[in-house]
């Protein structure tokens, strides 16, 4: 199970990095929409939950 969690963690981190990269490419997209903000907050909450699970399992 920890390998699945680590894979999910990498995937979610990649999504956040990808979203930041797209915003840099599009100069007019410097303002975050509410949906983007909520999505990033949800991803960060999931990453925090994964960290807790990994620590609990010793990973």
Protein backbone atom coordinates (compact mmCIF):
# COMPACT_ATOMS: atom_id res chain seq x y z
CA UNK A 1 0.00 0.00 0.00
CA UNK A 2 2.74 2.59 0.72
CA UNK A 3 3.97 2.26 -2.88
CA UNK A 4 0.49 3.18 -4.10
CA UNK A 5 0.46 6.15 -1.76
CA UNK A 6 3.88 7.31 -2.95
CA UNK A 7 2.77 7.00 -6.57
CA UNK A 8 -0.38 9.01 -5.82
CA UNK A 9 1.71 11.61 -4.01
CA UNK A 10 4.02 11.99 -7.01
CA UNK A 11 1.05 12.22 -9.35
CA UNK A 12 -0.66 14.95 -7.33
CA UNK A 13 2.59 16.92 -7.00
CA UNK A 14 2.96 16.68 -10.77
CA UNK A 15 -0.52 18.10 -11.26
CA UNK A 16 0.29 21.11 -9.08
CA UNK A 17 3.58 21.70 -10.91
CA UNK A 18 1.83 21.33 -14.26
CA UNK A 19 -0.85 23.83 -13.31
CA UNK A 20 1.82 26.34 -12.29
CA UNK A 21 3.66 25.81 -15.59
CA UNK A 22 0.54 26.48 -17.65
CA UNK A 23 -0.13 29.70 -15.78
CA UNK A 24 3.39 30.94 -16.59
CA UNK A 25 2.93 30.23 -20.29
CA UNK A 26 -0.31 32.15 -20.52
CA UNK A 27 0.37 35.72 -19.39
CA UNK A 28 -3.29 36.60 -19.09
CA UNK A 29 -3.96 33.66 -16.79
CA UNK A 30 -2.11 35.14 -13.83
CA UNK A 31 -5.34 35.43 -11.87
CA UNK A 32 -6.48 32.25 -10.19
CA UNK A 33 -10.11 31.36 -10.60
CA UNK A 34 -12.15 30.04 -7.71
CA UNK A 35 -12.20 26.59 -9.29
CA UNK A 36 -8.40 26.55 -9.60
CA UNK A 37 -8.00 27.69 -6.01
CA UNK A 38 -10.43 25.05 -4.73
CA UNK A 39 -8.74 22.37 -6.84
CA UNK A 40 -5.28 23.23 -5.55
CA UNK A 41 -6.57 23.35 -1.97
CA UNK A 42 -8.19 19.93 -2.41
CA UNK A 43 -4.99 18.47 -3.86
CA UNK A 44 -2.94 19.89 -0.99
CA UNK A 45 -5.39 18.43 1.53
CA UNK A 46 -5.09 15.04 -0.17
CA UNK A 47 -1.28 15.33 -0.06
CA UNK A 48 -1.43 16.07 3.67
CA UNK A 49 -3.65 13.02 4.18
CA UNK A 50 -1.22 10.86 2.20
CA UNK A 51 1.67 12.14 4.35
CA UNK A 52 -0.21 11.09 7.49
CA UNK A 53 -0.89 7.65 6.06
CA UNK A 54 2.72 7.18 5.00
CA UNK A 55 4.00 8.19 8.43
CA UNK A 56 1.52 5.83 10.08
CA UNK A 57 2.69 2.93 7.90
CA UNK A 58 6.36 3.81 8.34
CA UNK A 59 6.91 4.76 4.69
